[in-house]
Amino acid sequence: MDWVHAKLNHAFLFSRACAADAILNLLKKDDGSITELRFGMREALGDHGVTKLATIVHNNRNLARLDLGYNCITDFGAARLASALKGNTTLRHLRLCGNIIGPEGAAWLADALVNNRTLSNLELHGNRIGPEGVDRLAALLHTTAISQLDLSDNEVGHVGAARLAEALTGSDQILQLHLRHNFLGPSGAARLADALKLNTKLQLLDLAANNIGDVGAAYLAEALCENFTLSSLDLQHNQVGDLGMLKLSAALACNSSLPWIYTSILWLAVLNSKLIRFLSATDRKGSDGSFCTSCCSCYGLLQDLPHPVLPLPVAPLKCRISMALWHS
């Protein structure tokens, strides 16, 4: 159902029938008391609408959340919005995902937010920021209070990853960093792994769909033996093979803060370091070099652990590590 709803401290807008101008005219009557604004008209706002909305945002000194996702906003619209956000001291959550913001728009936003000490959550996934835009945004990790940053699907590449890693090394604010589907590759993973060895604040790192492979996994595994702050690591769809899985599992066994690594089809769980030592010390290798050719043998080993993980079923896969469990 198409509807427009607004009240004193909250405004949620979703409409496919009403024109953007009509809704913006309605918002002009706001006396500055609206604290949350979600413009849900998919692909309806555009730069023209954002330009008008920017004036409303500038005049409102109580707005805490602004959601303009999927509204065909380009660099031009981002610049208009950035101008309205300069000096803002109330906005805590800014969502601009699924737009067409490139390096220039990212630069405008970075300049507007560089001294902002209120914004804590910035969502920019699904734009076209690229390494140049990331270079400008990375500075925010040192000068702002942003604790959650989502740059997924932004063509960051290994160059952008290197810049983020540099910023991450000395950041004491960022807690969650989302970088899925950004073509980081093994070299990008390596740079981030180096940053993890020095960072003591980051709790969640999302690197899904970045083609890091066994090499990238090995770099991250090495970092996990030195980082005891990270509590969530997502490595789905990264072409990590047997060797990479083994290294990650060994890292989990010596890491007390990270209970899981989420991969494409498996949860790697810390079961018991004795299991790794047992598999390494015994001749339980198949013709392909994997530790076991039958998941039944894996199942038997798991049964013998001091803290059995069953009834979770063991993944029906030929795997180099026997602590790979099917996540149901």
C-alpha atoms as a PDB file:
ATOM      1  CA  MET A   1       0.000   0.000   0.000  1.00  0.00           C
ATOM      2  CA  ASP A   2       1.296   3.429  -0.923  1.00  0.00           C
ATOM      3  CA  TRP A   3       1.309   5.665   2.079  1.00  0.00           C
ATOM      4  CA  VAL A   4       2.866   8.677   3.716  1.00  0.00           C
ATOM      5  CA  HIS A   5       3.146   8.806   7.464  1.00  0.00           C
ATOM      6  CA  ALA A   6       4.644  11.559   9.561  1.00  0.00           C
ATOM      7  CA  LYS A   7       4.526  12.393  13.215  1.00  0.00           C
ATOM      8  CA  LEU A   8       6.335  14.608  15.673  1.00  0.00           C
ATOM      9  CA  ASN A   9       9.554  12.681  16.175  1.00  0.00           C
ATOM     10  CA  HIS A  10       9.507  10.302  13.236  1.00  0.00           C
ATOM     11  CA  ALA A  11       8.815  10.445   9.531  1.00  0.00           C
ATOM     12  CA  PHE A  12       8.735   7.367   7.317  1.00  0.00           C
ATOM     13  CA  LEU A  13       8.012   7.999   3.661  1.00  0.00           C
ATOM     14  CA  PHE A  14       7.225   5.304   1.164  1.00  0.00           C
ATOM     15  CA  SER A  15       5.263   5.990  -1.959  1.00  0.00           C
ATOM     16  CA  ARG A  16       5.226   4.990  -5.590  1.00  0.00           C
ATOM     17  CA  ALA A  17       2.234   7.061  -6.518  1.00  0.00           C
ATOM     18  CA  CYS A  18       2.903  10.413  -4.850  1.00  0.00           C
ATOM     19  CA  ALA A  19       5.373  12.711  -6.561  1.00  0.00           C
ATOM     20  CA  ALA A  20       8.621  13.481  -4.781  1.00  0.00           C
ATOM     21  CA  ASP A  21       7.891  17.192  -4.920  1.00  0.00           C
ATOM     22  CA  ALA A  22       4.608  16.725  -3.084  1.00  0.00           C
ATOM     23  CA  ILE A  23       6.322  14.887  -0.258  1.00  0.00           C
ATOM     24  CA  LEU A  24       9.117  17.430  -0.063  1.00  0.00           C
ATOM     25  CA  ASN A  25       6.555  20.203   0.154  1.00  0.00           C
ATOM     26  CA  LEU A  26       4.996  18.353   3.065  1.00  0.00           C
ATOM     27  CA  LEU A  27       8.358  18.156   4.797  1.00  0.00           C
ATOM     28  CA  LYS A  28       8.881  21.892   4.456  1.00  0.00           C
ATOM     29  CA  LYS A  29       6.258  22.285   7.156  1.00  0.00           C
ATOM     30  CA  ASP A  30       8.511  20.463   9.604  1.00  0.00           C
ATOM     31  CA  ASP A  31       9.312  22.658  12.587  1.00  0.00           C
ATOM     32  CA  GLY A  32      12.619  20.888  13.165  1.00  0.00           C
ATOM     33  CA  SER A  33      11.210  18.233  15.475  1.00  0.00           C
ATOM     34  CA  ILE A  34      11.598  15.249  13.114  1.00  0.00           C
ATOM     35  CA  THR A  35      14.415  12.992  14.330  1.00  0.00           C
ATOM     36  CA  GLU A  36      14.257  10.200  11.753  1.00  0.00           C
ATOM     37  CA  LEU A  37      13.651  10.445   8.027  1.00  0.00           C
ATOM     38  CA  ARG A  38      13.601   7.478   5.658  1.00  0.00           C
ATOM     39  CA  PHE A  39      12.884   8.334   2.063  1.00  0.00           C
ATOM     40  CA  GLY A  40      11.779   4.993   0.688  1.00  0.00           C
ATOM     41  CA  MET A  41      10.635   6.057  -2.748  1.00  0.00           C
ATOM     42  CA  ARG A  42      12.861   3.705  -4.702  1.00  0.00           C
ATOM     43  CA  GLU A  43      14.618   5.567  -7.507  1.00  0.00           C
ATOM     44  CA  ALA A  44      12.233   8.481  -7.162  1.00  0.00           C
ATOM     45  CA  LEU A  45      14.179  11.183  -5.365  1.00  0.00           C
ATOM     46  CA  GLY A  46      17.166  11.791  -7.631  1.00  0.00           C
ATOM     47  CA  ASP A  47      19.497  14.784  -7.513  1.00  0.00           C
ATOM     48  CA  HIS A  48      16.623  17.201  -7.979  1.00  0.00           C
ATOM     49  CA  GLY A  49      14.826  15.893  -4.926  1.00  0.00           C
ATOM     50  CA  VAL A  50      18.009  15.695  -2.824  1.00  0.00           C
ATOM     51  CA  THR A  51      18.749  19.337  -3.610  1.00  0.00           C
ATOM     52  CA  LYS A  52      15.368  20.321  -2.173  1.00  0.00           C
ATOM     53  CA  LEU A  53      15.717  17.919   0.729  1.00  0.00           C
ATOM     54  CA  ALA A  54      19.133  19.347   1.601  1.00  0.00           C
ATOM     55  CA  THR A  55      17.548  22.627   2.644  1.00  0.00           C
ATOM     56  CA  ILE A  56      15.135  20.779   4.924  1.00  0.00           C
ATOM     57  CA  VAL A  57      17.963  18.736   6.442  1.00  0.00           C
ATOM     58  CA  HIS A  58      20.062  21.857   6.985  1.00  0.00           C
ATOM     59  CA  ASN A  59      17.244  23.590   8.869  1.00  0.00           C
ATOM     60  CA  ASN A  60      16.468  20.578  11.039  1.00  0.00           C
ATOM     61  CA  ARG A  61      18.765  20.437  14.065  1.00  0.00           C
ATOM     62  CA  ASN A  62      17.270  17.310  15.619  1.00  0.00           C
ATOM     63  CA  LEU A  63      17.595  14.787  12.776  1.00  0.00           C
ATOM     64  CA  ALA A  64      19.321  11.637  14.029  1.00  0.00           C
ATOM     65  CA  ARG A  65      18.805   9.217  11.119  1.00  0.00           C
ATOM     66  CA  LEU A  66      18.619   9.885   7.380  1.00  0.00           C
ATOM     67  CA  ASP A  67      17.953   7.043   4.936  1.00  0.00           C
ATOM     68  CA  LEU A  68      18.163   7.897   1.223  1.00  0.00           C
ATOM     69  CA  GLY A  69      18.991   4.448  -0.118  1.00  0.00           C
ATOM     70  CA  TYR A  70      18.216   3.518  -3.723  1.00  0.00           C
ATOM     71  CA  ASN A  71      17.202   6.960  -4.955  1.00  0.00           C
ATOM     72  CA  CYS A  72      19.456   7.492  -8.004  1.00  0.00           C
ATOM     73  CA  ILE A  73      21.626  10.049  -6.233  1.00  0.00           C
ATOM     74  CA  THR A  74      24.788  10.958  -8.161  1.00  0.00           C
ATOM     75  CA  ASP A  75      27.867  12.979  -7.207  1.00  0.00           C
ATOM     76  CA  PHE A  76      25.898  16.163  -7.755  1.00  0.00           C
ATOM     77  CA  GLY A  77      23.233  15.150  -5.243  1.00  0.00           C
ATOM     78  CA  ALA A  78      25.879  13.946  -2.797  1.00  0.00           C
ATOM     79  CA  ALA A  79      27.535  17.354  -2.990  1.00  0.00           C
ATOM     80  CA  ARG A  80      24.257  19.136  -2.211  1.00  0.00           C
ATOM     81  CA  LEU A  81      23.615  16.827   0.716  1.00  0.00           C
ATOM     82  CA  ALA A  82      27.176  17.203   1.990  1.00  0.00           C
ATOM     83  CA  SER A  83      26.766  20.960   2.019  1.00  0.00           C
ATOM     84  CA  ALA A  84      23.670  20.610   4.195  1.00  0.00           C
ATOM     85  CA  LEU A  85      25.470  18.283   6.622  1.00  0.00           C
ATOM     86  CA  LYS A  86      28.411  20.584   7.320  1.00  0.00           C
ATOM     87  CA  GLY A  87      28.318  21.565  10.947  1.00  0.00           C
ATOM     88  CA  ASN A  88      25.562  19.057  11.742  1.00  0.00           C
ATOM     89  CA  THR A  89      25.779  17.847  15.345  1.00  0.00           C
ATOM     90  CA  THR A  90      22.763  15.544  15.628  1.00  0.00           C
ATOM     91  CA  LEU A  91      22.891  12.993  12.778  1.00  0.00           C
ATOM     92  CA  ARG A  92      23.974   9.561  13.996  1.00  0.00           C
ATOM     93  CA  HIS A  93      23.071   7.293  11.057  1.00  0.00           C
ATOM     94  CA  LEU A  94      23.422   8.161   7.358  1.00  0.00           C
ATOM     95  CA  ARG A  95      22.339   5.572   4.772  1.00  0.00           C
ATOM     96  CA  LEU A  96      23.096   6.254   1.103  1.00  0.00           C
ATOM     97  CA  CYS A  97      23.343   2.705  -0.221  1.00  0.00           C
ATOM     98  CA  GLY A  98      22.393   1.691  -3.747  1.00  0.00           C
ATOM     99  CA  ASN A  99      22.924   5.072  -5.377  1.00  0.00           C
ATOM    100  CA  ILE A 100      25.346   6.259  -8.074  1.00  0.00           C
ATOM    101  CA  ILE A 101      27.857   8.097  -5.921  1.00  0.00           C
ATOM    102  CA  GLY A 102      31.393   8.062  -7.290  1.00  0.00           C
ATOM    103  CA  PRO A 103      34.789   9.320  -6.070  1.00  0.00           C
ATOM    104  CA  GLU A 104      33.784  12.974  -6.351  1.00  0.00           C
ATOM    105  CA  GLY A 105      30.627  12.509  -4.310  1.00  0.00           C
ATOM    106  CA  ALA A 106      32.576  10.544  -1.709  1.00  0.00           C
ATOM    107  CA  ALA A 107      35.066  13.388  -1.473  1.00  0.00           C
ATOM    108  CA  TRP A 108      32.271  15.895  -0.865  1.00  0.00           C
ATOM    109  CA  LEU A 109      30.839  13.737   1.894  1.00  0.00           C
ATOM    110  CA  ALA A 110      34.252  13.188   3.483  1.00  0.00           C
ATOM    111  CA  ASP A 111      34.952  16.908   3.560  1.00  0.00           C
ATOM    112  CA  ALA A 112      31.567  17.602   5.150  1.00  0.00           C
ATOM    113  CA  LEU A 113      31.983  14.966   7.838  1.00  0.00           C
ATOM    114  CA  VAL A 114      35.690  15.282   8.570  1.00  0.00           C
ATOM    115  CA  ASN A 115      35.153  17.013  11.929  1.00  0.00           C
ATOM    116  CA  ASN A 116      31.820  15.417  12.763  1.00  0.00           C
ATOM    117  CA  ARG A 117      31.815  13.845  16.225  1.00  0.00           C
ATOM    118  CA  THR A 118      28.193  12.655  16.215  1.00  0.00           C
ATOM    119  CA  LEU A 119      27.779  10.355  13.195  1.00  0.00           C
ATOM    120  CA  SER A 120      28.413   6.741  14.187  1.00  0.00           C
ATOM    121  CA  ASN A 121      26.994   4.712  11.276  1.00  0.00           C
ATOM    122  CA  LEU A 122      27.750   5.442   7.607  1.00  0.00           C
ATOM    123  CA  GLU A 123      26.296   3.113   4.949  1.00  0.00           C
ATOM    124  CA  LEU A 124      27.532   3.572   1.384  1.00  0.00           C
ATOM    125  CA  HIS A 125      27.365   0.050  -0.034  1.00  0.00           C
ATOM    126  CA  GLY A 126      26.379  -0.391  -3.646  1.00  0.00           C
ATOM    127  CA  ASN A 127      27.810   2.845  -5.043  1.00  0.00           C
ATOM    128  CA  ARG A 128      30.800   3.551  -7.306  1.00  0.00           C
ATOM    129  CA  ILE A 129      33.247   5.097  -4.882  1.00  0.00           C
ATOM    130  CA  GLY A 130      36.389   3.284  -6.044  1.00  0.00           C
ATOM    131  CA  PRO A 131      39.879   3.557  -4.512  1.00  0.00           C
ATOM    132  CA  GLU A 132      40.019   7.338  -4.972  1.00  0.00           C
ATOM    133  CA  GLY A 133      36.830   7.870  -3.012  1.00  0.00           C
ATOM    134  CA  VAL A 134      37.962   5.398  -0.356  1.00  0.00           C
ATOM    135  CA  ASP A 135      41.170   7.373   0.034  1.00  0.00           C
ATOM    136  CA  ARG A 136      39.137  10.415   1.079  1.00  0.00           C
ATOM    137  CA  LEU A 137      36.740   8.474   3.294  1.00  0.00           C
ATOM    138  CA  ALA A 138      39.536   6.616   5.091  1.00  0.00           C
ATOM    139  CA  ALA A 139      40.535   9.837   6.836  1.00  0.00           C
ATOM    140  CA  LEU A 140      37.216   9.752   8.672  1.00  0.00           C
ATOM    141  CA  LEU A 141      38.428   6.759  10.684  1.00  0.00           C
ATOM    142  CA  HIS A 142      40.768   9.123  12.550  1.00  0.00           C
ATOM    143  CA  THR A 143      38.774  12.347  12.838  1.00  0.00           C
ATOM    144  CA  THR A 144      35.177  11.221  13.451  1.00  0.00           C
ATOM    145  CA  ALA A 145      33.171   9.012  15.799  1.00  0.00           C
ATOM    146  CA  ILE A 146      32.146   6.585  13.039  1.00  0.00           C
ATOM    147  CA  SER A 147      32.059   3.087  14.506  1.00  0.00           C
ATOM    148  CA  GLN A 148      30.232   1.298  11.666  1.00  0.00           C
ATOM    149  CA  LEU A 149      31.291   1.787   8.052  1.00  0.00           C
ATOM    150  CA  ASP A 150      29.808  -0.102   5.102  1.00  0.00           C
ATOM    151  CA  LEU A 151      31.689   0.227   1.810  1.00  0.00           C
ATOM    152  CA  SER A 152      30.583  -3.075   0.300  1.00  0.00           C
ATOM    153  CA  ASP A 153      30.253  -3.330  -3.486  1.00  0.00           C
ATOM    154  CA  ASN A 154      32.148  -0.130  -4.271  1.00  0.00           C
ATOM    155  CA  GLU A 155      35.013  -1.281  -6.519  1.00  0.00           C
ATOM    156  CA  VAL A 156      37.503  -0.618  -3.724  1.00  0.00           C
ATOM    157  CA  GLY A 157      40.186  -2.973  -5.092  1.00  0.00           C
ATOM    158  CA  HIS A 158      43.524  -3.782  -3.461  1.00  0.00           C
ATOM    159  CA  VAL A 159      44.600  -0.132  -3.693  1.00  0.00           C
ATOM    160  CA  GLY A 160      41.612   1.037  -1.686  1.00  0.00           C
ATOM    161  CA  ALA A 161      42.127  -1.830   0.744  1.00  0.00           C
ATOM    162  CA  ALA A 162      45.683  -0.650   1.352  1.00  0.00           C
ATOM    163  CA  ARG A 163      44.456   2.846   2.179  1.00  0.00           C
ATOM    164  CA  LEU A 164      41.799   1.501   4.530  1.00  0.00           C
ATOM    165  CA  ALA A 165      44.343  -0.756   6.193  1.00  0.00           C
ATOM    166  CA  GLU A 166      46.600   2.214   6.809  1.00  0.00           C
ATOM    167  CA  ALA A 167      43.735   4.127   8.423  1.00  0.00           C
ATOM    168  CA  LEU A 168      42.562   1.085  10.358  1.00  0.00           C
ATOM    169  CA  THR A 169      45.947   0.619  11.965  1.00  0.00           C
ATOM    170  CA  GLY A 170      45.684   3.766  14.045  1.00  0.00           C
ATOM    171  CA  SER A 171      41.908   3.964  14.449  1.00  0.00           C
ATOM    172  CA  ASP A 172      40.407   3.612  17.919  1.00  0.00           C
ATOM    173  CA  GLN A 173      36.786   4.225  16.841  1.00  0.00           C
ATOM    174  CA  ILE A 174      35.798   1.796  14.094  1.00  0.00           C
ATOM    175  CA  LEU A 175      34.106  -1.362  15.390  1.00  0.00           C
ATOM    176  CA  GLN A 176      32.491  -2.756  12.232  1.00  0.00           C
ATOM    177  CA  LEU A 177      33.879  -2.619   8.699  1.00  0.00           C
ATOM    178  CA  HIS A 178      31.990  -4.099   5.745  1.00  0.00           C
ATOM    179  CA  LEU A 179      33.981  -4.597   2.527  1.00  0.00           C
ATOM    180  CA  ARG A 180      32.247  -7.471   0.745  1.00  0.00           C
ATOM    181  CA  HIS A 181      32.366  -7.746  -3.062  1.00  0.00           C
ATOM    182  CA  ASN A 182      35.149  -5.239  -3.643  1.00  0.00           C
ATOM    183  CA  PHE A 183      37.765  -7.151  -5.697  1.00  0.00           C
ATOM    184  CA  LEU A 184      40.304  -6.989  -2.875  1.00  0.00           C
ATOM    185  CA  GLY A 185      42.159 -10.160  -3.888  1.00  0.00           C
ATOM    186  CA  PRO A 186      45.003 -11.758  -1.902  1.00  0.00           C
ATOM    187  CA  SER A 187      47.016  -8.535  -1.774  1.00  0.00           C
ATOM    188  CA  GLY A 188      44.114  -6.570  -0.340  1.00  0.00           C
ATOM    189  CA  ALA A 189      43.574  -9.262   2.271  1.00  0.00           C
ATOM    190  CA  ALA A 190      47.277  -9.143   3.116  1.00  0.00           C
ATOM    191  CA  ARG A 191      47.182  -5.402   3.790  1.00  0.00           C
ATOM    192  CA  LEU A 192      44.106  -5.730   5.982  1.00  0.00           C
ATOM    193  CA  ALA A 193      45.697  -8.636   7.812  1.00  0.00           C
ATOM    194  CA  ASP A 194      48.696  -6.431   8.651  1.00  0.00           C
ATOM    195  CA  ALA A 195      46.290  -3.830  10.030  1.00  0.00           C
ATOM    196  CA  LEU A 196      44.546  -6.432  12.177  1.00  0.00           C
ATOM    197  CA  LYS A 197      47.827  -7.218  13.904  1.00  0.00           C
ATOM    198  CA  LEU A 198      47.927  -3.656  15.244  1.00  0.00           C
ATOM    199  CA  ASN A 199      44.261  -2.730  15.589  1.00  0.00           C
ATOM    200  CA  THR A 200      42.721  -3.400  19.005  1.00  0.00           C
ATOM    201  CA  LYS A 201      39.192  -2.066  18.466  1.00  0.00           C
ATOM    202  CA  LEU A 202      37.651  -3.692  15.376  1.00  0.00           C
ATOM    203  CA  GLN A 203      35.070  -6.334  16.260  1.00  0.00           C
ATOM    204  CA  LEU A 204      33.494  -7.222  12.895  1.00  0.00           C
ATOM    205  CA  LEU A 205      35.145  -7.519   9.485  1.00  0.00           C
ATOM    206  CA  ASP A 206      33.161  -8.529   6.402  1.00  0.00           C
ATOM    207  CA  LEU A 207      35.372  -9.600   3.475  1.00  0.00           C
ATOM    208  CA  ALA A 208      32.909 -11.851   1.661  1.00  0.00           C
ATOM    209  CA  ALA A 209      33.177 -12.280  -2.124  1.00  0.00           C
ATOM    210  CA  ASN A 210      36.625 -10.772  -2.602  1.00  0.00           C
ATOM    211  CA  ASN A 211      38.501 -13.667  -4.221  1.00  0.00           C
ATOM    212  CA  ILE A 212      41.181 -13.750  -1.539  1.00  0.00           C
ATOM    213  CA  GLY A 213      41.888 -17.473  -2.085  1.00  0.00           C
ATOM    214  CA  ASP A 214      44.208 -19.616   0.014  1.00  0.00           C
ATOM    215  CA  VAL A 215      46.924 -16.955  -0.013  1.00  0.00           C
ATOM    216  CA  GLY A 216      44.670 -14.258   1.415  1.00  0.00           C
ATOM    217  CA  ALA A 217      43.261 -16.709   3.953  1.00  0.00           C
ATOM    218  CA  ALA A 218      46.776 -17.550   5.106  1.00  0.00           C
ATOM    219  CA  TYR A 219      47.577 -13.871   5.709  1.00  0.00           C
ATOM    220  CA  LEU A 220      44.386 -13.444   7.726  1.00  0.00           C
ATOM    221  CA  ALA A 221      45.055 -16.623   9.688  1.00  0.00           C
ATOM    222  CA  GLU A 222      48.458 -15.281  10.695  1.00  0.00           C
ATOM    223  CA  ALA A 223      46.841 -12.048  11.871  1.00  0.00           C
ATOM    224  CA  LEU A 224      44.252 -13.903  13.932  1.00  0.00           C
ATOM    225  CA  CYS A 225      47.036 -15.352  16.028  1.00  0.00           C
ATOM    226  CA  GLU A 226      47.915 -11.808  17.123  1.00  0.00           C
ATOM    227  CA  ASN A 227      44.514 -10.087  17.141  1.00  0.00           C
ATOM    228  CA  PHE A 228      42.256 -10.956  20.057  1.00  0.00           C
ATOM    229  CA  THR A 229      39.611  -8.263  19.581  1.00  0.00           C
ATOM    230  CA  LEU A 230      37.883  -9.370  16.382  1.00  0.00           C
ATOM    231  CA  SER A 231      34.776 -11.416  17.172  1.00  0.00           C
ATOM    232  CA  SER A 232      33.208 -11.819  13.708  1.00  0.00           C
ATOM    233  CA  LEU A 233      34.898 -12.539  10.362  1.00  0.00           C
ATOM    234  CA  ASP A 234      32.953 -13.209   7.163  1.00  0.00           C
ATOM    235  CA  LEU A 235      34.867 -14.915   4.345  1.00  0.00           C
ATOM    236  CA  GLN A 236      32.010 -16.256   2.220  1.00  0.00           C
ATOM    237  CA  HIS A 237      32.561 -16.849  -1.497  1.00  0.00           C
ATOM    238  CA  ASN A 238      36.302 -16.308  -1.492  1.00  0.00           C
ATOM    239  CA  GLN A 239      37.572 -19.461  -3.222  1.00  0.00           C
ATOM    240  CA  VAL A 240      39.309 -20.602  -0.062  1.00  0.00           C
ATOM    241  CA  GLY A 241      40.452 -24.186  -0.523  1.00  0.00           C
ATOM    242  CA  ASP A 242      41.699 -26.936   1.742  1.00  0.00           C
ATOM    243  CA  LEU A 243      44.991 -25.249   2.566  1.00  0.00           C
ATOM    244  CA  GLY A 244      43.355 -21.948   3.461  1.00  0.00           C
ATOM    245  CA  MET A 245      40.730 -23.706   5.561  1.00  0.00           C
ATOM    246  CA  LEU A 246      43.408 -25.548   7.482  1.00  0.00           C
ATOM    247  CA  LYS A 247      45.323 -22.377   8.279  1.00  0.00           C
ATOM    248  CA  LEU A 248      42.166 -20.559   9.378  1.00  0.00           C
ATOM    249  CA  SER A 249      41.196 -23.454  11.604  1.00  0.00           C
ATOM    250  CA  ALA A 250      44.612 -23.530  13.228  1.00  0.00           C
ATOM    251  CA  ALA A 251      44.320 -19.791  13.867  1.00  0.00           C
ATOM    252  CA  LEU A 252      40.912 -20.268  15.482  1.00  0.00           C
ATOM    253  CA  ALA A 253      42.354 -22.815  17.852  1.00  0.00           C
ATOM    254  CA  CYS A 254      44.710 -20.205  19.319  1.00  0.00           C
ATOM    255  CA  ASN A 255      42.253 -17.314  19.247  1.00  0.00           C
ATOM    256  CA  SER A 256      39.938 -16.982  22.223  1.00  0.00           C
ATOM    257  CA  SER A 257      37.899 -14.000  20.997  1.00  0.00           C
ATOM    258  CA  LEU A 258      36.790 -15.286  17.585  1.00  0.00           C
ATOM    259  CA  PRO A 259      34.402 -18.247  17.903  1.00  0.00           C
ATOM    260  CA  TRP A 260      33.438 -18.477  14.227  1.00  0.00           C
ATOM    261  CA  ILE A 261      34.620 -17.732  10.725  1.00  0.00           C
ATOM    262  CA  TYR A 262      31.796 -17.762   8.255  1.00  0.00           C
ATOM    263  CA  THR A 263      32.805 -19.173   4.875  1.00  0.00           C
ATOM    264  CA  SER A 264      30.756 -19.980   1.791  1.00  0.00           C
ATOM    265  CA  ILE A 265      29.113 -23.133   3.096  1.00  0.00           C
ATOM    266  CA  LEU A 266      30.768 -23.853   6.403  1.00  0.00           C
ATOM    267  CA  TRP A 267      31.109 -22.477   9.873  1.00  0.00           C
ATOM    268  CA  LEU A 268      34.617 -23.038  11.180  1.00  0.00           C
ATOM    269  CA  ALA A 269      34.312 -23.492  14.907  1.00  0.00           C
ATOM    270  CA  VAL A 270      36.902 -23.635  17.629  1.00  0.00           C
ATOM    271  CA  LEU A 271      36.393 -27.159  18.894  1.00  0.00           C
ATOM    272  CA  ASN A 272      39.605 -28.230  20.480  1.00  0.00           C
ATOM    273  CA  SER A 273      43.255 -27.621  19.668  1.00  0.00           C
ATOM    274  CA  LYS A 274      43.889 -31.306  20.348  1.00  0.00           C
ATOM    275  CA  LEU A 275      41.926 -32.143  17.220  1.00  0.00           C
ATOM    276  CA  ILE A 276      44.322 -30.195  15.016  1.00  0.00           C
ATOM    277  CA  ARG A 277      47.311 -31.779  16.683  1.00  0.00           C
ATOM    278  CA  PHE A 278      45.735 -35.218  16.256  1.00  0.00           C
ATOM    279  CA  LEU A 279      45.045 -34.688  12.579  1.00  0.00           C
ATOM    280  CA  SER A 280      48.522 -33.317  12.012  1.00  0.00           C
ATOM    281  CA  ALA A 281      50.244 -36.157  13.817  1.00  0.00           C
ATOM    282  CA  THR A 282      48.354 -39.080  12.326  1.00  0.00           C
ATOM    283  CA  ASP A 283      48.237 -40.498   8.848  1.00  0.00           C
ATOM    284  CA  ARG A 284      44.615 -39.717   8.028  1.00  0.00           C
ATOM    285  CA  LYS A 285      45.160 -38.437   4.529  1.00  0.00           C
ATOM    286  CA  GLY A 286      43.306 -39.354   1.398  1.00  0.00           C
ATOM    287  CA  SER A 287      44.656 -39.550  -2.117  1.00  0.00           C
ATOM    288  CA  ASP A 288      43.933 -35.857  -2.626  1.00  0.00           C
ATOM    289  CA  GLY A 289      45.928 -34.885   0.461  1.00  0.00           C
ATOM    290  CA  SER A 290      42.897 -34.135   2.595  1.00  0.00           C
ATOM    291  CA  PHE A 291      42.906 -35.272   6.194  1.00  0.00           C
ATOM    292  CA  CYS A 292      39.939 -37.551   5.746  1.00  0.00           C
ATOM    293  CA  THR A 293      38.057 -39.172   2.933  1.00  0.00           C
ATOM    294  CA  SER A 294      35.013 -40.047   5.006  1.00  0.00           C
ATOM    295  CA  CYS A 295      32.937 -37.649   7.052  1.00  0.00           C
ATOM    296  CA  CYS A 296      32.101 -40.619   9.259  1.00  0.00           C
ATOM    297  CA  SER A 297      35.657 -40.526  10.586  1.00  0.00           C
ATOM    298  CA  CYS A 298      35.293 -36.796  11.216  1.00  0.00           C
ATOM    299  CA  TYR A 299      32.047 -37.504  13.009  1.00  0.00           C
ATOM    300  CA  GLY A 300      33.740 -40.047  15.256  1.00  0.00           C
ATOM    301  CA  LEU A 301      36.495 -37.605  16.174  1.00  0.00           C
ATOM    302  CA  LEU A 302      33.964 -34.927  17.044  1.00  0.00           C
ATOM    303  CA  GLN A 303      32.091 -37.341  19.276  1.00  0.00           C
ATOM    304  CA  ASP A 304      35.225 -37.835  21.359  1.00  0.00           C
ATOM    305  CA  LEU A 305      35.749 -34.151  22.102  1.00  0.00           C
ATOM    306  CA  PRO A 306      35.324 -32.958  25.712  1.00  0.00           C
ATOM    307  CA  HIS A 307      32.630 -30.486  24.589  1.00  0.00           C
ATOM    308  CA  PRO A 308      30.723 -32.177  21.771  1.00  0.00           C
ATOM    309  CA  VAL A 309      29.157 -29.874  19.216  1.00  0.00           C
ATOM    310  CA  LEU A 310      26.426 -32.288  18.222  1.00  0.00           C
ATOM    311  CA  PRO A 311      23.565 -32.350  17.289  1.00  0.00           C
ATOM    312  CA  LEU A 312      24.943 -30.005  14.604  1.00  0.00           C
ATOM    313  CA  PRO A 313      25.580 -32.298  11.609  1.00  0.00           C
ATOM    314  CA  VAL A 314      29.034 -32.544  10.142  1.00  0.00           C
ATOM    315  CA  ALA A 315      29.305 -31.083   6.664  1.00  0.00           C
ATOM    316  CA  PRO A 316      29.062 -33.879   4.060  1.00  0.00           C
ATOM    317  CA  LEU A 317      32.219 -32.720   2.318  1.00  0.00           C
ATOM    318  CA  LYS A 318      35.674 -34.064   1.693  1.00  0.00           C
ATOM    319  CA  CYS A 319      37.621 -31.566   3.776  1.00  0.00           C
ATOM    320  CA  ARG A 320      41.136 -30.975   5.010  1.00  0.00           C
ATOM    321  CA  ILE A 321      39.832 -29.982   8.426  1.00  0.00           C
ATOM    322  CA  SER A 322      37.477 -32.007  10.535  1.00  0.00           C
ATOM    323  CA  MET A 323      36.021 -29.127  12.538  1.00  0.00           C
ATOM    324  CA  ALA A 324      34.079 -27.791   9.550  1.00  0.00           C
ATOM    325  CA  LEU A 325      30.451 -27.994  10.506  1.00  0.00           C
ATOM    326  CA  TRP A 326      27.344 -27.544   8.424  1.00  0.00           C
ATOM    327  CA  HIS A 327      25.534 -24.428   9.644  1.00  0.00           C
ATOM    328  CA  SER A 328      21.856 -25.221   9.924  1.00  0.00           C
END
